[in-house]
């Protein structure tokens, strides 16, 4: 590659893959995990959402809610770890499946 074509390549790269979106897309799975994981943990720690279902006592509702939020928090932590290391692929995939299955419930 001569200097002129090398310069053109670097300019094209800077305009595409060198942009913030381009950099995220180089490893989109890690970028998604790094963005989503902290938000799941935050939501689990601060939400006012309660578990679905019919409960006969407030204690049952509270226990079910704690269990659901623990699952959310653990999935968030798995995504954070994957975003940092890309080492726990299975746990990150499970977390993303959980997000897809619970997508309609991810709000406060």
PDB file of N, CA and C in Angstrom:
ATOM      1  N   UNK A   1       0.851  -1.165   0.000  1.00  0.00           N
ATOM      2  CA  UNK A   1       0.000   0.000   0.000  1.00  0.00           C
ATOM      3  C   UNK A   1       0.902   1.235   0.000  1.00  0.00           C
ATOM      4  N   UNK A   2       0.681   2.130  -0.957  1.00  0.00           N
ATOM      5  CA  UNK A   2       1.509   3.341  -0.995  1.00  0.00           C
ATOM      6  C   UNK A   2       0.957   4.375  -0.018  1.00  0.00           C
ATOM      7  N   UNK A   3       1.691   5.443   0.166  1.00  0.00           N
ATOM      8  CA  UNK A   3       1.328   6.455   1.157  1.00  0.00           C
ATOM      9  C   UNK A   3      -0.036   7.080   0.879  1.00  0.00           C
ATOM     10  N   UNK A   4      -0.339   7.307  -0.416  1.00  0.00           N
ATOM     11  CA  UNK A   4      -1.608   7.949  -0.767  1.00  0.00           C
ATOM     12  C   UNK A   4      -2.789   7.025  -0.484  1.00  0.00           C
ATOM     13  N   UNK A   5      -2.681   5.749  -0.841  1.00  0.00           N
ATOM     14  CA  UNK A   5      -3.783   4.822  -0.575  1.00  0.00           C
ATOM     15  C   UNK A   5      -3.897   4.520   0.914  1.00  0.00           C
ATOM     16  N   UNK A   6      -2.757   4.525   1.606  1.00  0.00           N
ATOM     17  CA  UNK A   6      -2.778   4.338   3.057  1.00  0.00           C
ATOM     18  C   UNK A   6      -3.506   5.510   3.719  1.00  0.00           C
ATOM     19  N   UNK A   7      -3.251   6.701   3.249  1.00  0.00           N
ATOM     20  CA  UNK A   7      -3.911   7.895   3.783  1.00  0.00           C
ATOM     21  C   UNK A   7      -5.409   7.832   3.499  1.00  0.00           C
ATOM     22  N   UNK A   8      -5.788   7.433   2.294  1.00  0.00           N
ATOM     23  CA  UNK A   8      -7.209   7.324   1.945  1.00  0.00           C
ATOM     24  C   UNK A   8      -7.900   6.279   2.810  1.00  0.00           C
ATOM     25  N   UNK A   9      -7.219   5.159   3.050  1.00  0.00           N
ATOM     26  CA  UNK A   9      -7.772   4.114   3.908  1.00  0.00           C
ATOM     27  C   UNK A   9      -7.992   4.644   5.332  1.00  0.00           C
ATOM     28  N   UNK A  10      -7.021   5.350   5.861  1.00  0.00           N
ATOM     29  CA  UNK A  10      -7.141   5.901   7.214  1.00  0.00           C
ATOM     30  C   UNK A  10      -8.273   6.912   7.298  1.00  0.00           C
ATOM     31  N   UNK A  11      -8.447   7.707   6.244  1.00  0.00           N
ATOM     32  CA  UNK A  11      -9.536   8.693   6.223  1.00  0.00           C
ATOM     33  C   UNK A  11     -10.895   7.999   6.180  1.00  0.00           C
ATOM     34  N   UNK A  12     -11.018   6.948   5.344  1.00  0.00           N
ATOM     35  CA  UNK A  12     -12.274   6.182   5.286  1.00  0.00           C
ATOM     36  C   UNK A  12     -12.569   5.541   6.636  1.00  0.00           C
ATOM     37  N   UNK A  13     -11.550   4.967   7.247  1.00  0.00           N
ATOM     38  CA  UNK A  13     -11.714   4.334   8.551  1.00  0.00           C
ATOM     39  C   UNK A  13     -12.188   5.358   9.590  1.00  0.00           C
ATOM     40  N   UNK A  14     -11.555   6.531   9.586  1.00  0.00           N
ATOM     41  CA  UNK A  14     -11.905   7.569  10.555  1.00  0.00           C
ATOM     42  C   UNK A  14     -13.358   8.007  10.399  1.00  0.00           C
ATOM     43  N   UNK A  15     -13.882   7.981   9.170  1.00  0.00           N
ATOM     44  CA  UNK A  15     -15.258   8.415   8.907  1.00  0.00           C
ATOM     45  C   UNK A  15     -16.279   7.307   9.165  1.00  0.00           C
ATOM     46  N   UNK A  16     -15.825   6.085   9.293  1.00  0.00           N
ATOM     47  CA  UNK A  16     -16.760   4.973   9.503  1.00  0.00           C
ATOM     48  C   UNK A  16     -16.468   4.287  10.837  1.00  0.00           C
ATOM     49  N   UNK A  17     -15.567   3.350  10.828  1.00  0.00           N
ATOM     50  CA  UNK A  17     -15.267   2.563  12.023  1.00  0.00           C
ATOM     51  C   UNK A  17     -14.589   3.370  13.116  1.00  0.00           C
ATOM     52  N   UNK A  18     -14.035   4.509  12.765  1.00  0.00           N
ATOM     53  CA  UNK A  18     -13.382   5.356  13.752  1.00  0.00           C
ATOM     54  C   UNK A  18     -14.343   6.240  14.530  1.00  0.00           C
ATOM     55  N   UNK A  19     -15.615   6.293  14.110  1.00  0.00           N
ATOM     56  CA  UNK A  19     -16.611   7.089  14.823  1.00  0.00           C
ATOM     57  C   UNK A  19     -17.058   6.349  16.088  1.00  0.00           C
ATOM     58  N   UNK A  20     -17.700   7.035  17.020  1.00  0.00           N
ATOM     59  CA  UNK A  20     -18.178   6.334  18.218  1.00  0.00           C
ATOM     60  C   UNK A  20     -19.103   5.150  17.894  1.00  0.00           C
ATOM     61  N   UNK A  21     -20.009   5.313  16.957  1.00  0.00           N
ATOM     62  CA  UNK A  21     -20.895   4.201  16.580  1.00  0.00           C
ATOM     63  C   UNK A  21     -20.093   3.099  15.919  1.00  0.00           C
ATOM     64  N   UNK A  22     -19.180   3.454  15.054  1.00  0.00           N
ATOM     65  CA  UNK A  22     -18.337   2.454  14.406  1.00  0.00           C
ATOM     66  C   UNK A  22     -17.524   1.665  15.414  1.00  0.00           C
ATOM     67  N   UNK A  23     -16.964   2.348  16.398  1.00  0.00           N
ATOM     68  CA  UNK A  23     -16.190   1.666  17.430  1.00  0.00           C
ATOM     69  C   UNK A  23     -17.073   0.709  18.224  1.00  0.00           C
ATOM     70  N   UNK A  24     -18.307   1.138  18.538  1.00  0.00           N
ATOM     71  CA  UNK A  24     -19.245   0.238  19.227  1.00  0.00           C
ATOM     72  C   UNK A  24     -19.557  -0.988  18.379  1.00  0.00           C
ATOM     73  N   UNK A  25     -19.671  -0.806  17.078  1.00  0.00           N
ATOM     74  CA  UNK A  25     -20.054  -1.910  16.188  1.00  0.00           C
ATOM     75  C   UNK A  25     -18.930  -2.911  15.948  1.00  0.00           C
ATOM     76  N   UNK A  26     -17.706  -2.541  16.228  1.00  0.00           N
ATOM     77  CA  UNK A  26     -16.605  -3.487  16.046  1.00  0.00           C
ATOM     78  C   UNK A  26     -16.854  -4.730  16.887  1.00  0.00           C
ATOM     79  N   UNK A  27     -17.359  -4.546  18.088  1.00  0.00           N
ATOM     80  CA  UNK A  27     -17.781  -5.664  18.923  1.00  0.00           C
ATOM     81  C   UNK A  27     -19.101  -5.268  19.582  1.00  0.00           C
ATOM     82  N   UNK A  28     -20.152  -5.277  18.785  1.00  0.00           N
ATOM     83  CA  UNK A  28     -21.457  -4.799  19.223  1.00  0.00           C
ATOM     84  C   UNK A  28     -21.971  -5.560  20.435  1.00  0.00           C
ATOM     85  N   UNK A  29     -21.695  -6.857  20.500  1.00  0.00           N
ATOM     86  CA  UNK A  29     -22.205  -7.625  21.645  1.00  0.00           C
ATOM     87  C   UNK A  29     -21.616  -7.107  22.956  1.00  0.00           C
ATOM     88  N   UNK A  30     -20.355  -6.762  22.978  1.00  0.00           N
ATOM     89  CA  UNK A  30     -19.749  -6.214  24.198  1.00  0.00           C
ATOM     90  C   UNK A  30     -20.272  -4.808  24.471  1.00  0.00           C
ATOM     91  N   UNK A  31     -20.471  -4.017  23.431  1.00  0.00           N
ATOM     92  CA  UNK A  31     -20.998  -2.667  23.610  1.00  0.00           C
ATOM     93  C   UNK A  31     -22.409  -2.701  24.172  1.00  0.00           C
ATOM     94  N   UNK A  32     -23.248  -3.589  23.635  1.00  0.00           N
ATOM     95  CA  UNK A  32     -24.609  -3.732  24.156  1.00  0.00           C
ATOM     96  C   UNK A  32     -24.600  -4.170  25.611  1.00  0.00           C
ATOM     97  N   UNK A  33     -23.777  -5.146  25.916  1.00  0.00           N
ATOM     98  CA  UNK A  33     -23.700  -5.657  27.283  1.00  0.00           C
ATOM     99  C   UNK A  33     -23.216  -4.572  28.240  1.00  0.00           C
ATOM    100  N   UNK A  34     -22.191  -3.829  27.836  1.00  0.00           N
ATOM    101  CA  UNK A  34     -21.636  -2.776  28.687  1.00  0.00           C
ATOM    102  C   UNK A  34     -22.653  -1.665  28.927  1.00  0.00           C
ATOM    103  N   UNK A  35     -23.515  -1.399  27.966  1.00  0.00           N
ATOM    104  CA  UNK A  35     -24.533  -0.358  28.122  1.00  0.00           C
ATOM    105  C   UNK A  35     -25.706  -0.879  28.948  1.00  0.00           C
ATOM    106  N   UNK A  36     -26.174  -2.065  28.649  1.00  0.00           N
ATOM    107  CA  UNK A  36     -27.390  -2.594  29.266  1.00  0.00           C
ATOM    108  C   UNK A  36     -27.181  -3.090  30.690  1.00  0.00           C
ATOM    109  N   UNK A  37     -26.053  -3.719  30.961  1.00  0.00           N
ATOM    110  CA  UNK A  37     -25.816  -4.299  32.275  1.00  0.00           C
ATOM    111  C   UNK A  37     -25.999  -3.329  33.432  1.00  0.00           C
ATOM    112  N   UNK A  38     -25.331  -2.170  33.416  1.00  0.00           N
ATOM    113  CA  UNK A  38     -25.496  -1.229  34.532  1.00  0.00           C
ATOM    114  C   UNK A  38     -26.933  -0.740  34.685  1.00  0.00           C
ATOM    115  N   UNK A  39     -27.652  -0.653  33.604  1.00  0.00           N
ATOM    116  CA  UNK A  39     -29.037  -0.186  33.671  1.00  0.00           C
ATOM    117  C   UNK A  39     -29.950  -1.240  34.298  1.00  0.00           C
ATOM    118  N   UNK A  40     -29.676  -2.513  34.036  1.00  0.00           N
ATOM    119  CA  UNK A  40     -30.449  -3.563  34.699  1.00  0.00           C
ATOM    120  C   UNK A  40     -30.178  -3.571  36.194  1.00  0.00           C
ATOM    121  N   UNK A  41     -28.924  -3.424  36.575  1.00  0.00           N
ATOM    122  CA  UNK A  41     -28.581  -3.382  38.001  1.00  0.00           C
ATOM    123  C   UNK A  41     -29.240  -2.172  38.659  1.00  0.00           C
ATOM    124  N   UNK A  42     -29.171  -1.024  38.012  1.00  0.00           N
ATOM    125  CA  UNK A  42     -29.807   0.182  38.554  1.00  0.00           C
ATOM    126  C   UNK A  42     -31.298  -0.036  38.727  1.00  0.00           C
ATOM    127  N   UNK A  43     -31.954  -0.569  37.705  1.00  0.00           N
ATOM    128  CA  UNK A  43     -33.393  -0.804  37.772  1.00  0.00           C
ATOM    129  C   UNK A  43     -33.732  -1.780  38.895  1.00  0.00           C
ATOM    130  N   UNK A  44     -32.954  -2.843  39.026  1.00  0.00           N
ATOM    131  CA  UNK A  44     -33.191  -3.813  40.094  1.00  0.00           C
ATOM    132  C   UNK A  44     -33.040  -3.172  41.467  1.00  0.00           C
ATOM    133  N   UNK A  45     -32.116  -2.237  41.601  1.00  0.00           N
ATOM    134  CA  UNK A  45     -31.864  -1.602  42.891  1.00  0.00           C
ATOM    135  C   UNK A  45     -32.850  -0.492  43.233  1.00  0.00           C
ATOM    136  N   UNK A  46     -33.494   0.103  42.228  1.00  0.00           N
ATOM    137  CA  UNK A  46     -34.294   1.307  42.486  1.00  0.00           C
ATOM    138  C   UNK A  46     -35.736   1.237  42.002  1.00  0.00           C
ATOM    139  N   UNK A  47     -36.162   0.158  41.397  1.00  0.00           N
ATOM    140  CA  UNK A  47     -37.504   0.094  40.836  1.00  0.00           C
ATOM    141  C   UNK A  47     -38.573   0.014  41.917  1.00  0.00           C
ATOM    142  N   UNK A  48     -39.775   0.410  41.547  1.00  0.00           N
ATOM    143  CA  UNK A  48     -40.932   0.241  42.424  1.00  0.00           C
ATOM    144  C   UNK A  48     -41.861  -0.840  41.873  1.00  0.00           C
ATOM    145  N   UNK A  49     -41.409  -1.536  40.846  1.00  0.00           N
ATOM    146  CA  UNK A  49     -42.179  -2.612  40.238  1.00  0.00           C
ATOM    147  C   UNK A  49     -42.329  -3.765  41.225  1.00  0.00           C
ATOM    148  N   UNK A  50     -43.441  -4.464  41.113  1.00  0.00           N
ATOM    149  CA  UNK A  50     -43.662  -5.650  41.952  1.00  0.00           C
ATOM    150  C   UNK A  50     -43.854  -6.867  41.063  1.00  0.00           C
ATOM    151  N   UNK A  51     -43.690  -8.027  41.657  1.00  0.00           N
ATOM    152  CA  UNK A  51     -43.825  -9.292  40.923  1.00  0.00           C
ATOM    153  C   UNK A  51     -45.248  -9.457  40.391  1.00  0.00           C
ATOM    154  N   UNK A  52     -45.344 -10.183  39.283  1.00  0.00           N
ATOM    155  CA  UNK A  52     -46.654 -10.514  38.717  1.00  0.00           C
ATOM    156  C   UNK A  52     -47.232 -11.704  39.468  1.00  0.00           C
ATOM    157  N   UNK A  53     -48.531 -11.795  39.486  1.00  0.00           N
ATOM    158  CA  UNK A  53     -49.177 -12.953  40.082  1.00  0.00           C
ATOM    159  C   UNK A  53     -50.113 -12.582  41.209  1.00  0.00           C
ATOM    160  N   UNK A  54     -50.838 -13.576  41.666  1.00  0.00           N
ATOM    161  CA  UNK A  54     -51.762 -13.404  42.786  1.00  0.00           C
ATOM    162  C   UNK A  54     -51.102 -13.932  44.044  1.00  0.00           C
ATOM    163  N   UNK A  55     -51.064 -13.096  45.049  1.00  0.00           N
ATOM    164  CA  UNK A  55     -50.420 -13.465  46.301  1.00  0.00           C
ATOM    165  C   UNK A  55     -51.411 -13.267  47.434  1.00  0.00           C
ATOM    166  N   UNK A  56     -51.431 -14.207  48.335  1.00  0.00           N
ATOM    167  CA  UNK A  56     -52.383 -14.137  49.437  1.00  0.00           C
ATOM    168  C   UNK A  56     -51.914 -13.205  50.539  1.00  0.00           C
ATOM    169  N   UNK A  57     -50.639 -12.991  50.651  1.00  0.00           N
ATOM    170  CA  UNK A  57     -50.121 -12.137  51.717  1.00  0.00           C
ATOM    171  C   UNK A  57     -49.063 -11.201  51.148  1.00  0.00           C
ATOM    172  N   UNK A  58     -48.920 -10.063  51.786  1.00  0.00           N
ATOM    173  CA  UNK A  58     -47.915  -9.085  51.365  1.00  0.00           C
ATOM    174  C   UNK A  58     -46.505  -9.677  51.406  1.00  0.00           C
ATOM    175  N   UNK A  59     -46.272 -10.568  52.373  1.00  0.00           N
ATOM    176  CA  UNK A  59     -44.953 -11.180  52.498  1.00  0.00           C
ATOM    177  C   UNK A  59     -44.617 -12.024  51.264  1.00  0.00           C
ATOM    178  N   UNK A  60     -45.628 -12.694  50.711  1.00  0.00           N
ATOM    179  CA  UNK A  60     -45.409 -13.507  49.506  1.00  0.00           C
ATOM    180  C   UNK A  60     -45.071 -12.617  48.316  1.00  0.00           C
ATOM    181  N   UNK A  61     -45.801 -11.504  48.183  1.00  0.00           N
ATOM    182  CA  UNK A  61     -45.519 -10.552  47.107  1.00  0.00           C
ATOM    183  C   UNK A  61     -44.116  -9.984  47.258  1.00  0.00           C
ATOM    184  N   UNK A  62     -43.751  -9.625  48.476  1.00  0.00           N
ATOM    185  CA  UNK A  62     -42.422  -9.069  48.724  1.00  0.00           C
ATOM    186  C   UNK A  62     -41.326 -10.079  48.394  1.00  0.00           C
ATOM    187  N   UNK A  63     -41.514 -11.331  48.780  1.00  0.00           N
ATOM    188  CA  UNK A  63     -40.518 -12.374  48.501  1.00  0.00           C
ATOM    189  C   UNK A  63     -40.395 -12.615  47.001  1.00  0.00           C
ATOM    190  N   UNK A  64     -41.523 -12.664  46.297  1.00  0.00           N
ATOM    191  CA  UNK A  64     -41.502 -12.874  44.845  1.00  0.00           C
ATOM    192  C   UNK A  64     -40.844 -11.700  44.138  1.00  0.00           C
ATOM    193  N   UNK A  65     -41.124 -10.502  44.600  1.00  0.00           N
ATOM    194  CA  UNK A  65     -40.515  -9.306  44.011  1.00  0.00           C
ATOM    195  C   UNK A  65     -39.003  -9.318  44.225  1.00  0.00           C
ATOM    196  N   UNK A  66     -38.570  -9.633  45.453  1.00  0.00           N
ATOM    197  CA  UNK A  66     -37.133  -9.708  45.727  1.00  0.00           C
ATOM    198  C   UNK A  66     -36.455 -10.739  44.832  1.00  0.00           C
ATOM    199  N   UNK A  67     -37.105 -11.879  44.635  1.00  0.00           N
ATOM    200  CA  UNK A  67     -36.535 -12.931  43.792  1.00  0.00           C
ATOM    201  C   UNK A  67     -36.404 -12.459  42.342  1.00  0.00           C
ATOM    202  N   UNK A  68     -37.446 -11.823  41.816  1.00  0.00           N
ATOM    203  CA  UNK A  68     -37.393 -11.332  40.433  1.00  0.00           C
ATOM    204  C   UNK A  68     -36.311 -10.270  40.269  1.00  0.00           C
ATOM    205  N   UNK A  69     -36.203  -9.370  41.238  1.00  0.00           N
ATOM    206  CA  UNK A  69     -35.197  -8.318  41.136  1.00  0.00           C
ATOM    207  C   UNK A  69     -33.791  -8.877  41.288  1.00  0.00           C
ATOM    208  N   UNK A  70     -33.642  -9.932  42.050  1.00  0.00           N
ATOM    209  CA  UNK A  70     -32.343 -10.596  42.171  1.00  0.00           C
ATOM    210  C   UNK A  70     -31.925 -11.197  40.835  1.00  0.00           C
ATOM    211  N   UNK A  71     -32.865 -11.792  40.142  1.00  0.00           N
ATOM    212  CA  UNK A  71     -32.580 -12.347  38.814  1.00  0.00           C
ATOM    213  C   UNK A  71     -32.154 -11.222  37.866  1.00  0.00           C
ATOM    214  N   UNK A  72     -32.899 -10.124  37.885  1.00  0.00           N
ATOM    215  CA  UNK A  72     -32.551  -8.980  37.030  1.00  0.00           C
ATOM    216  C   UNK A  72     -31.154  -8.471  37.353  1.00  0.00           C
ATOM    217  N   UNK A  73     -30.855  -8.318  38.636  1.00  0.00           N
ATOM    218  CA  UNK A  73     -29.552  -7.815  39.067  1.00  0.00           C
ATOM    219  C   UNK A  73     -28.429  -8.752  38.605  1.00  0.00           C
ATOM    220  N   UNK A  74     -28.638 -10.056  38.768  1.00  0.00           N
ATOM    221  CA  UNK A  74     -27.617 -11.024  38.357  1.00  0.00           C
ATOM    222  C   UNK A  74     -27.388 -10.995  36.851  1.00  0.00           C
ATOM    223  N   UNK A  75     -28.449 -10.841  36.080  1.00  0.00           N
ATOM    224  CA  UNK A  75     -28.280 -10.726  34.626  1.00  0.00           C
ATOM    225  C   UNK A  75     -27.525  -9.443  34.288  1.00  0.00           C
ATOM    226  N   UNK A  76     -27.836  -8.364  34.989  1.00  0.00           N
ATOM    227  CA  UNK A  76     -27.110  -7.115  34.767  1.00  0.00           C
ATOM    228  C   UNK A  76     -25.633  -7.268  35.067  1.00  0.00           C
ATOM    229  N   UNK A  77     -25.321  -7.944  36.161  1.00  0.00           N
ATOM    230  CA  UNK A  77     -23.913  -8.158  36.518  1.00  0.00           C
ATOM    231  C   UNK A  77     -23.206  -9.031  35.489  1.00  0.00           C
ATOM    232  N   UNK A  78     -23.904 -10.030  34.958  1.00  0.00           N
ATOM    233  CA  UNK A  78     -23.302 -10.881  33.921  1.00  0.00           C
ATOM    234  C   UNK A  78     -22.987 -10.057  32.675  1.00  0.00           C
ATOM    235  N   UNK A  79     -23.889  -9.145  32.327  1.00  0.00           N
ATOM    236  CA  UNK A  79     -23.646  -8.306  31.153  1.00  0.00           C
ATOM    237  C   UNK A  79     -22.509  -7.315  31.403  1.00  0.00           C
ATOM    238  N   UNK A  80     -22.439  -6.781  32.596  1.00  0.00           N
ATOM    239  CA  UNK A  80     -21.324  -5.886  32.920  1.00  0.00           C
ATOM    240  C   UNK A  80     -20.000  -6.637  32.764  1.00  0.00           C
ATOM    241  N   UNK A  81     -19.941  -7.833  33.322  1.00  0.00           N
ATOM    242  CA  UNK A  81     -18.703  -8.622  33.223  1.00  0.00           C
ATOM    243  C   UNK A  81     -18.359  -8.910  31.765  1.00  0.00           C
ATOM    244  N   UNK A  82     -19.354  -9.288  30.975  1.00  0.00           N
ATOM    245  CA  UNK A  82     -19.089  -9.572  29.569  1.00  0.00           C
ATOM    246  C   UNK A  82     -18.615  -8.315  28.838  1.00  0.00           C
ATOM    247  N   UNK A  83     -19.232  -7.183  29.137  1.00  0.00           N
ATOM    248  CA  UNK A  83     -18.823  -5.929  28.505  1.00  0.00           C
ATOM    249  C   UNK A  83     -17.379  -5.568  28.801  1.00  0.00           C
ATOM    250  N   UNK A  84     -16.899  -5.995  29.968  1.00  0.00           N
ATOM    251  CA  UNK A  84     -15.521  -5.688  30.359  1.00  0.00           C
ATOM    252  C   UNK A  84     -14.524  -6.730  29.874  1.00  0.00           C
ATOM    253  N   UNK A  85     -14.930  -8.012  29.832  1.00  0.00           N
ATOM    254  CA  UNK A  85     -13.961  -9.083  29.575  1.00  0.00           C
ATOM    255  C   UNK A  85     -14.274  -9.954  28.363  1.00  0.00           C
ATOM    256  N   UNK A  86     -15.536  -9.981  27.931  1.00  0.00           N
ATOM    257  CA  UNK A  86     -16.020 -10.880  26.877  1.00  0.00           C
ATOM    258  C   UNK A  86     -15.699 -12.341  27.199  1.00  0.00           C
ATOM    259  N   UNK A  87     -15.707 -12.695  28.486  1.00  0.00           N
ATOM    260  CA  UNK A  87     -15.312 -14.039  28.897  1.00  0.00           C
ATOM    261  C   UNK A  87     -16.482 -14.955  29.256  1.00  0.00           C
ATOM    262  N   UNK A  88     -17.619 -14.447  29.662  1.00  0.00           N
ATOM    263  CA  UNK A  88     -18.724 -15.281  30.116  1.00  0.00           C
ATOM    264  C   UNK A  88     -19.858 -15.274  29.106  1.00  0.00           C
ATOM    265  N   UNK A  89     -19.565 -15.763  27.924  1.00  0.00           N
ATOM    266  CA  UNK A  89     -20.499 -15.705  26.808  1.00  0.00           C
ATOM    267  C   UNK A  89     -21.838 -16.372  27.131  1.00  0.00           C
ATOM    268  N   UNK A  90     -21.815 -17.535  27.768  1.00  0.00           N
ATOM    269  CA  UNK A  90     -23.057 -18.254  28.069  1.00  0.00           C
ATOM    270  C   UNK A  90     -23.957 -17.433  28.988  1.00  0.00           C
ATOM    271  N   UNK A  91     -23.400 -16.876  30.057  1.00  0.00           N
ATOM    272  CA  UNK A  91     -24.190 -16.078  30.995  1.00  0.00           C
ATOM    273  C   UNK A  91     -24.725 -14.816  30.323  1.00  0.00           C
ATOM    274  N   UNK A  92     -23.926 -14.206  29.472  1.00  0.00           N
ATOM    275  CA  UNK A  92     -24.371 -12.999  28.765  1.00  0.00           C
ATOM    276  C   UNK A  92     -25.506 -13.334  27.808  1.00  0.00           C
ATOM    277  N   UNK A  93     -25.414 -14.457  27.120  1.00  0.00           N
ATOM    278  CA  UNK A  93     -26.500 -14.861  26.222  1.00  0.00           C
ATOM    279  C   UNK A  93     -27.777 -15.129  27.012  1.00  0.00           C
ATOM    280  N   UNK A  94     -27.645 -15.793  28.152  1.00  0.00           N
ATOM    281  CA  UNK A  94     -28.819 -16.039  29.000  1.00  0.00           C
ATOM    282  C   UNK A  94     -29.436 -14.721  29.461  1.00  0.00           C
ATOM    283  N   UNK A  95     -28.594 -13.758  29.796  1.00  0.00           N
ATOM    284  CA  UNK A  95     -29.089 -12.450  30.221  1.00  0.00           C
ATOM    285  C   UNK A  95     -29.837 -11.756  29.088  1.00  0.00           C
ATOM    286  N   UNK A  96     -29.295 -11.829  27.881  1.00  0.00           N
ATOM    287  CA  UNK A  96     -29.960 -11.185  26.747  1.00  0.00           C
ATOM    288  C   UNK A  96     -31.286 -11.879  26.427  1.00  0.00           C
ATOM    289  N   UNK A  97     -31.350 -13.187  26.571  1.00  0.00           N
ATOM    290  CA  UNK A  97     -32.624 -13.893  26.382  1.00  0.00           C
ATOM    291  C   UNK A  97     -33.633 -13.457  27.440  1.00  0.00           C
ATOM    292  N   UNK A  98     -33.169 -13.318  28.682  1.00  0.00           N
ATOM    293  CA  UNK A  98     -34.048 -12.845  29.746  1.00  0.00           C
ATOM    294  C   UNK A  98     -34.574 -11.449  29.422  1.00  0.00           C
ATOM    295  N   UNK A  99     -33.708 -10.572  28.937  1.00  0.00           N
ATOM    296  CA  UNK A  99     -34.134  -9.220  28.556  1.00  0.00           C
ATOM    297  C   UNK A  99     -35.201  -9.301  27.472  1.00  0.00           C
ATOM    298  N   UNK A 100     -34.981 -10.128  26.460  1.00  0.00           N
ATOM    299  CA  UNK A 100     -35.966 -10.253  25.380  1.00  0.00           C
ATOM    300  C   UNK A 100     -37.306 -10.763  25.918  1.00  0.00           C
ATOM    301  N   UNK A 101     -37.254 -11.748  26.799  1.00  0.00           N
ATOM    302  CA  UNK A 101     -38.488 -12.321  27.352  1.00  0.00           C
ATOM    303  C   UNK A 101     -39.207 -11.353  28.284  1.00  0.00           C
ATOM    304  N   UNK A 102     -38.493 -10.450  28.894  1.00  0.00           N
ATOM    305  CA  UNK A 102     -39.080  -9.512  29.855  1.00  0.00           C
ATOM    306  C   UNK A 102     -39.078  -8.074  29.358  1.00  0.00           C
ATOM    307  N   UNK A 103     -38.866  -7.904  28.076  1.00  0.00           N
ATOM    308  CA  UNK A 103     -38.722  -6.576  27.479  1.00  0.00           C
ATOM    309  C   UNK A 103     -39.878  -5.652  27.853  1.00  0.00           C
ATOM    310  N   UNK A 104     -41.091  -6.155  27.811  1.00  0.00           N
ATOM    311  CA  UNK A 104     -42.279  -5.346  28.095  1.00  0.00           C
ATOM    312  C   UNK A 104     -42.381  -4.918  29.568  1.00  0.00           C
ATOM    313  N   UNK A 105     -41.560  -5.500  30.428  1.00  0.00           N
ATOM    314  CA  UNK A 105     -41.603  -5.195  31.864  1.00  0.00           C
ATOM    315  C   UNK A 105     -40.432  -4.341  32.333  1.00  0.00           C
ATOM    316  N   UNK A 106     -39.565  -3.942  31.429  1.00  0.00           N
ATOM    317  CA  UNK A 106     -38.358  -3.206  31.828  1.00  0.00           C
ATOM    318  C   UNK A 106     -38.622  -1.711  31.886  1.00  0.00           C
ATOM    319  N   UNK A 107     -39.365  -1.324  32.886  1.00  0.00           N
ATOM    320  CA  UNK A 107     -39.646   0.083  33.129  1.00  0.00           C
ATOM    321  C   UNK A 107     -39.969   0.227  34.608  1.00  0.00           C
ATOM    322  N   UNK A 108     -39.998   1.451  35.081  1.00  0.00           N
ATOM    323  CA  UNK A 108     -40.378   1.680  36.471  1.00  0.00           C
ATOM    324  C   UNK A 108     -41.607   2.541  36.504  1.00  0.00           C
TER     325      UNK A 108
END
